[in-house]
Amino acid sequence: MKFEGGGLDNPFWIAAARLLIEIPYAASLKDRRRVVRSLTDGARCRFAASASDLGPDGTHKTAELGFAFCGSSSAELRERMANLKKFLCQREEEGEFEIMRFSPEVFSHGDISDRQDK
């Protein structure tokens, strides 16, 4: 079994996004967790995304979330990211949070491997 280098010719693409939100009506960490869990669970269920709360710890008014997908084409992942963004914007309209920044990236696995080798 080979894990590095040769023999892996199929393209492998990764999409990752950071989302920074403000939660103006959160009065406690419990309110923050409820909003964050709703978004991460929604992304997992609707889009089969990996989703995580990136912090910051101890504050209930802001949250940074990370989302990731992998696939065999950049076009597929760009579409999935666009659908995720649309979902987040629809949820924002409900008024529980405000999107401050959404930063998606799509790159190939080889791009990461090349960076690590240097």
N, C-alpha and C. Protein backbone atom coordinates (compact mmCIF):
# COMPACT_ATOMS: atom_id res chain seq x y z
N MET A 1 0.85 -1.17 0.00
CA MET A 1 0.00 0.00 0.00
C MET A 1 0.89 1.24 0.00
N LYS A 2 0.61 2.17 -0.92
CA LYS A 2 1.38 3.41 -1.01
C LYS A 2 0.56 4.56 -0.49
N PHE A 3 1.16 5.39 0.33
CA PHE A 3 0.48 6.56 0.84
C PHE A 3 1.06 7.86 0.31
N GLU A 4 2.29 7.84 -0.14
CA GLU A 4 2.91 9.07 -0.63
C GLU A 4 3.32 8.88 -2.08
N GLY A 5 3.20 9.97 -2.84
CA GLY A 5 3.74 9.98 -4.19
C GLY A 5 2.96 9.18 -5.19
N GLY A 6 3.68 8.35 -5.98
CA GLY A 6 3.17 7.69 -7.17
C GLY A 6 1.96 6.79 -6.96
N GLY A 7 1.29 6.54 -8.07
CA GLY A 7 0.17 5.63 -8.09
C GLY A 7 -1.17 6.29 -7.84
N LEU A 8 -1.18 7.56 -7.53
CA LEU A 8 -2.43 8.25 -7.25
C LEU A 8 -2.66 9.30 -8.34
N ASP A 9 -3.31 8.87 -9.43
CA ASP A 9 -3.46 9.75 -10.58
C ASP A 9 -4.79 10.48 -10.65
N ASN A 10 -5.78 10.06 -9.88
CA ASN A 10 -7.08 10.71 -9.92
C ASN A 10 -7.00 12.08 -9.24
N PRO A 11 -7.64 13.07 -9.83
CA PRO A 11 -7.61 14.40 -9.21
C PRO A 11 -8.37 14.40 -7.88
N PHE A 12 -7.88 15.18 -6.97
CA PHE A 12 -8.49 15.28 -5.65
C PHE A 12 -8.54 16.76 -5.28
N TRP A 13 -9.74 17.28 -5.11
CA TRP A 13 -9.94 18.70 -4.83
C TRP A 13 -10.51 18.89 -3.44
N ILE A 14 -10.15 20.01 -2.85
CA ILE A 14 -10.60 20.35 -1.50
C ILE A 14 -11.18 21.76 -1.53
N ALA A 15 -12.30 21.93 -0.86
CA ALA A 15 -12.90 23.25 -0.69
C ALA A 15 -12.99 23.52 0.80
N ALA A 16 -12.59 24.70 1.20
CA ALA A 16 -12.66 25.09 2.61
C ALA A 16 -13.15 26.53 2.68
N ALA A 17 -13.90 26.82 3.72
CA ALA A 17 -14.40 28.18 3.92
C ALA A 17 -14.39 28.53 5.39
N ARG A 18 -14.09 29.79 5.65
CA ARG A 18 -14.21 30.34 7.00
C ARG A 18 -15.37 31.31 6.99
N LEU A 19 -16.18 31.22 8.02
CA LEU A 19 -17.33 32.09 8.17
C LEU A 19 -17.21 32.81 9.51
N LEU A 20 -17.25 34.13 9.47
CA LEU A 20 -17.26 34.93 10.69
C LEU A 20 -18.64 35.53 10.83
N ILE A 21 -19.28 35.28 11.97
CA ILE A 21 -20.62 35.82 12.20
C ILE A 21 -20.66 36.61 13.50
N GLU A 22 -21.57 37.56 13.52
CA GLU A 22 -21.89 38.28 14.74
C GLU A 22 -23.27 37.80 15.17
N ILE A 23 -23.41 37.58 16.47
CA ILE A 23 -24.68 37.10 17.03
C ILE A 23 -25.16 38.18 18.01
N PRO A 24 -25.79 39.23 17.49
CA PRO A 24 -26.08 40.40 18.32
C PRO A 24 -27.05 40.15 19.47
N TYR A 25 -27.94 39.20 19.34
CA TYR A 25 -28.95 38.98 20.37
C TYR A 25 -28.57 37.89 21.36
N ALA A 26 -27.36 37.33 21.22
CA ALA A 26 -26.93 36.30 22.16
C ALA A 26 -26.62 36.93 23.51
N ALA A 27 -27.25 36.43 24.54
CA ALA A 27 -27.04 36.95 25.89
C ALA A 27 -26.10 36.04 26.70
N SER A 28 -25.78 34.87 26.14
CA SER A 28 -24.95 33.91 26.87
C SER A 28 -24.25 32.98 25.88
N LEU A 29 -23.31 32.21 26.42
CA LEU A 29 -22.65 31.20 25.58
C LEU A 29 -23.64 30.14 25.11
N LYS A 30 -24.68 29.90 25.89
CA LYS A 30 -25.71 28.94 25.50
C LYS A 30 -26.42 29.41 24.23
N ASP A 31 -26.72 30.71 24.13
CA ASP A 31 -27.34 31.27 22.92
C ASP A 31 -26.40 31.11 21.73
N ARG A 32 -25.11 31.40 21.95
CA ARG A 32 -24.11 31.26 20.89
C ARG A 32 -24.05 29.81 20.40
N ARG A 33 -23.96 28.86 21.33
CA ARG A 33 -23.90 27.44 20.96
C ARG A 33 -25.11 27.00 20.16
N ARG A 34 -26.29 27.52 20.53
CA ARG A 34 -27.51 27.16 19.80
C ARG A 34 -27.43 27.60 18.34
N VAL A 35 -26.98 28.83 18.10
CA VAL A 35 -26.86 29.34 16.73
C VAL A 35 -25.79 28.56 15.96
N VAL A 36 -24.64 28.38 16.59
CA VAL A 36 -23.52 27.66 15.93
C VAL A 36 -23.93 26.23 15.61
N ARG A 37 -24.54 25.55 16.55
CA ARG A 37 -24.95 24.16 16.32
C ARG A 37 -25.96 24.07 15.19
N SER A 38 -26.88 25.01 15.14
CA SER A 38 -27.88 25.03 14.07
C SER A 38 -27.21 25.15 12.70
N LEU A 39 -26.21 26.00 12.60
CA LEU A 39 -25.51 26.18 11.32
C LEU A 39 -24.65 24.98 10.96
N THR A 40 -23.87 24.48 11.92
CA THR A 40 -22.99 23.35 11.61
C THR A 40 -23.79 22.09 11.32
N ASP A 41 -24.84 21.83 12.10
CA ASP A 41 -25.68 20.66 11.84
C ASP A 41 -26.39 20.78 10.50
N GLY A 42 -26.87 21.98 10.17
CA GLY A 42 -27.52 22.21 8.89
C GLY A 42 -26.59 21.95 7.72
N ALA A 43 -25.35 22.42 7.83
CA ALA A 43 -24.37 22.21 6.76
C ALA A 43 -24.01 20.73 6.62
N ARG A 44 -23.89 20.06 7.73
CA ARG A 44 -23.58 18.62 7.69
C ARG A 44 -24.71 17.83 7.03
N CYS A 45 -25.93 18.11 7.44
CA CYS A 45 -27.09 17.36 6.93
C CYS A 45 -27.41 17.68 5.47
N ARG A 46 -27.42 18.95 5.12
CA ARG A 46 -27.83 19.35 3.77
C ARG A 46 -26.75 19.14 2.72
N PHE A 47 -25.48 19.30 3.10
CA PHE A 47 -24.40 19.32 2.11
C PHE A 47 -23.31 18.29 2.36
N ALA A 48 -23.45 17.47 3.38
CA ALA A 48 -22.42 16.51 3.77
C ALA A 48 -21.07 17.20 3.94
N ALA A 49 -21.11 18.36 4.56
CA ALA A 49 -19.89 19.14 4.80
C ALA A 49 -19.30 18.77 6.14
N SER A 50 -18.00 18.89 6.24
CA SER A 50 -17.37 18.89 7.56
C SER A 50 -17.54 20.30 8.08
N ALA A 51 -17.91 20.44 9.34
CA ALA A 51 -18.15 21.76 9.91
C ALA A 51 -17.64 21.80 11.34
N SER A 52 -17.04 22.94 11.71
CA SER A 52 -16.47 23.06 13.04
C SER A 52 -16.55 24.48 13.56
N ASP A 53 -16.72 24.60 14.85
CA ASP A 53 -16.66 25.89 15.55
C ASP A 53 -15.19 26.18 15.82
N LEU A 54 -14.68 27.26 15.25
CA LEU A 54 -13.27 27.60 15.38
C LEU A 54 -13.00 28.60 16.50
N GLY A 55 -14.06 29.07 17.16
CA GLY A 55 -13.87 30.01 18.27
C GLY A 55 -14.49 31.34 17.94
N PRO A 56 -14.12 32.38 18.58
CA PRO A 56 -13.21 32.45 19.72
C PRO A 56 -13.89 31.98 21.00
N ASP A 57 -13.10 31.41 21.90
CA ASP A 57 -13.62 30.92 23.17
C ASP A 57 -13.97 32.08 24.09
N GLY A 58 -15.01 31.90 24.86
CA GLY A 58 -15.34 32.86 25.90
C GLY A 58 -16.17 34.06 25.48
N THR A 59 -16.43 34.22 24.21
CA THR A 59 -17.27 35.33 23.76
C THR A 59 -18.57 34.78 23.20
N HIS A 60 -19.66 35.45 23.48
CA HIS A 60 -20.94 34.95 22.99
C HIS A 60 -21.51 35.79 21.85
N LYS A 61 -20.83 36.85 21.46
CA LYS A 61 -21.35 37.74 20.42
C LYS A 61 -20.80 37.44 19.03
N THR A 62 -19.72 36.69 18.93
CA THR A 62 -19.14 36.34 17.63
C THR A 62 -18.79 34.87 17.58
N ALA A 63 -18.68 34.36 16.36
CA ALA A 63 -18.24 32.97 16.16
C ALA A 63 -17.56 32.87 14.80
N GLU A 64 -16.57 32.03 14.73
CA GLU A 64 -15.93 31.71 13.46
C GLU A 64 -16.11 30.23 13.22
N LEU A 65 -16.64 29.89 12.06
CA LEU A 65 -16.91 28.50 11.71
C LEU A 65 -16.07 28.10 10.51
N GLY A 66 -15.72 26.83 10.45
CA GLY A 66 -15.00 26.29 9.31
C GLY A 66 -15.83 25.21 8.65
N PHE A 67 -15.80 25.20 7.31
CA PHE A 67 -16.53 24.20 6.52
C PHE A 67 -15.58 23.61 5.49
N ALA A 68 -15.73 22.33 5.17
CA ALA A 68 -14.86 21.70 4.17
C ALA A 68 -15.61 20.62 3.40
N PHE A 69 -15.20 20.49 2.12
CA PHE A 69 -15.69 19.44 1.23
C PHE A 69 -14.49 18.87 0.49
N CYS A 70 -14.63 17.67 -0.03
CA CYS A 70 -13.63 17.16 -0.98
C CYS A 70 -14.38 16.51 -2.13
N GLY A 71 -13.71 16.45 -3.28
CA GLY A 71 -14.35 15.89 -4.47
C GLY A 71 -13.35 15.73 -5.60
N SER A 72 -13.87 15.33 -6.75
CA SER A 72 -13.00 15.03 -7.89
C SER A 72 -12.93 16.16 -8.91
N SER A 73 -13.68 17.27 -8.69
CA SER A 73 -13.56 18.39 -9.63
C SER A 73 -13.75 19.72 -8.91
N SER A 74 -13.02 20.70 -9.37
CA SER A 74 -13.13 22.02 -8.76
C SER A 74 -14.50 22.63 -9.04
N ALA A 75 -15.07 22.36 -10.21
CA ALA A 75 -16.39 22.91 -10.56
C ALA A 75 -17.46 22.39 -9.59
N GLU A 76 -17.40 21.10 -9.28
CA GLU A 76 -18.35 20.52 -8.32
C GLU A 76 -18.24 21.21 -6.97
N LEU A 77 -17.02 21.44 -6.52
CA LEU A 77 -16.83 22.03 -5.20
C LEU A 77 -17.20 23.51 -5.18
N ARG A 78 -16.96 24.22 -6.26
CA ARG A 78 -17.38 25.62 -6.33
C ARG A 78 -18.92 25.71 -6.25
N GLU A 79 -19.59 24.78 -6.90
CA GLU A 79 -21.05 24.75 -6.84
C GLU A 79 -21.53 24.43 -5.42
N ARG A 80 -20.88 23.48 -4.76
CA ARG A 80 -21.26 23.14 -3.40
C ARG A 80 -21.02 24.32 -2.45
N MET A 81 -19.92 25.04 -2.66
CA MET A 81 -19.64 26.23 -1.85
C MET A 81 -20.70 27.32 -2.09
N ALA A 82 -21.09 27.49 -3.35
CA ALA A 82 -22.13 28.47 -3.67
C ALA A 82 -23.45 28.09 -2.99
N ASN A 83 -23.77 26.81 -2.98
CA ASN A 83 -25.00 26.35 -2.32
C ASN A 83 -24.92 26.54 -0.80
N LEU A 84 -23.73 26.30 -0.23
CA LEU A 84 -23.54 26.53 1.20
C LEU A 84 -23.72 28.01 1.52
N LYS A 85 -23.14 28.87 0.71
CA LYS A 85 -23.27 30.31 0.94
C LYS A 85 -24.73 30.75 0.85
N LYS A 86 -25.45 30.20 -0.13
CA LYS A 86 -26.87 30.52 -0.28
C LYS A 86 -27.64 30.10 0.97
N PHE A 87 -27.36 28.91 1.47
CA PHE A 87 -27.99 28.42 2.70
C PHE A 87 -27.71 29.36 3.87
N LEU A 88 -26.45 29.77 4.02
CA LEU A 88 -26.07 30.65 5.12
C LEU A 88 -26.75 32.01 5.00
N CYS A 89 -26.85 32.53 3.78
CA CYS A 89 -27.51 33.82 3.57
C CYS A 89 -29.01 33.72 3.87
N GLN A 90 -29.62 32.60 3.51
CA GLN A 90 -31.04 32.39 3.83
C GLN A 90 -31.24 32.35 5.34
N ARG A 91 -30.34 31.68 6.03
CA ARG A 91 -30.42 31.60 7.50
C ARG A 91 -30.18 32.97 8.12
N GLU A 92 -29.30 33.75 7.53
CA GLU A 92 -29.02 35.10 8.04
C GLU A 92 -30.29 35.96 8.00
N GLU A 93 -31.11 35.78 6.98
CA GLU A 93 -32.34 36.55 6.85
C GLU A 93 -33.31 36.29 7.99
N GLU A 94 -33.16 35.17 8.69
CA GLU A 94 -34.01 34.86 9.83
C GLU A 94 -33.69 35.75 11.03
N GLY A 95 -32.53 36.42 11.01
CA GLY A 95 -32.21 37.44 12.00
C GLY A 95 -31.44 37.01 13.23
N GLU A 96 -31.02 35.75 13.34
CA GLU A 96 -30.29 35.32 14.54
C GLU A 96 -28.82 35.73 14.51
N PHE A 97 -28.28 35.97 13.33
CA PHE A 97 -26.87 36.32 13.20
C PHE A 97 -26.66 37.16 11.95
N GLU A 98 -25.48 37.79 11.89
CA GLU A 98 -25.09 38.56 10.71
C GLU A 98 -23.77 38.01 10.19
N ILE A 99 -23.68 37.81 8.88
CA ILE A 99 -22.44 37.35 8.28
C ILE A 99 -21.51 38.55 8.15
N MET A 100 -20.34 38.44 8.78
CA MET A 100 -19.34 39.50 8.69
C MET A 100 -18.35 39.20 7.56
N ARG A 101 -18.05 37.91 7.38
CA ARG A 101 -17.10 37.52 6.32
C ARG A 101 -17.32 36.04 5.97
N PHE A 102 -17.28 35.75 4.69
CA PHE A 102 -17.32 34.38 4.20
C PHE A 102 -16.17 34.24 3.22
N SER A 103 -15.20 33.38 3.52
CA SER A 103 -13.98 33.26 2.71
C SER A 103 -13.79 31.84 2.21
N PRO A 104 -14.31 31.53 1.00
CA PRO A 104 -14.14 30.18 0.46
C PRO A 104 -12.86 30.05 -0.38
N GLU A 105 -12.30 28.85 -0.41
CA GLU A 105 -11.16 28.53 -1.26
C GLU A 105 -11.35 27.13 -1.83
N VAL A 106 -10.89 26.95 -3.05
CA VAL A 106 -10.90 25.62 -3.68
C VAL A 106 -9.49 25.39 -4.21
N PHE A 107 -8.91 24.24 -3.89
CA PHE A 107 -7.55 23.95 -4.33
C PHE A 107 -7.38 22.45 -4.50
N SER A 108 -6.34 22.07 -5.22
CA SER A 108 -6.10 20.65 -5.45
C SER A 108 -5.17 20.11 -4.37
N HIS A 109 -5.28 18.83 -4.14
CA HIS A 109 -4.44 18.17 -3.14
C HIS A 109 -2.97 18.37 -3.46
N GLY A 110 -2.62 18.35 -4.73
CA GLY A 110 -1.23 18.56 -5.13
C GLY A 110 -0.70 19.91 -4.70
N ASP A 111 -1.55 20.92 -4.68
CA ASP A 111 -1.12 22.24 -4.23
C ASP A 111 -0.67 22.19 -2.78
N ILE A 112 -1.38 21.44 -1.96
CA ILE A 112 -1.02 21.32 -0.55
C ILE A 112 0.28 20.53 -0.41
N SER A 113 0.36 19.41 -1.12
CA SER A 113 1.55 18.56 -1.03
C SER A 113 2.79 19.33 -1.46
N ASP A 114 2.67 20.12 -2.53
CA ASP A 114 3.80 20.90 -3.01
C ASP A 114 4.26 21.90 -1.96
N ARG A 115 3.35 22.53 -1.26
CA ARG A 115 3.69 23.51 -0.22
C ARG A 115 4.41 22.84 0.94
N GLN A 116 3.99 21.64 1.31
CA GLN A 116 4.59 20.95 2.44
C GLN A 116 5.99 20.46 2.13
N ASP A 117 6.27 20.17 0.86
CA ASP A 117 7.58 19.66 0.46
C ASP A 117 8.65 20.74 0.47
N LYS A 118 8.25 22.00 0.44
CA LYS A 118 9.22 23.10 0.36
C LYS A 118 9.72 23.51 1.72
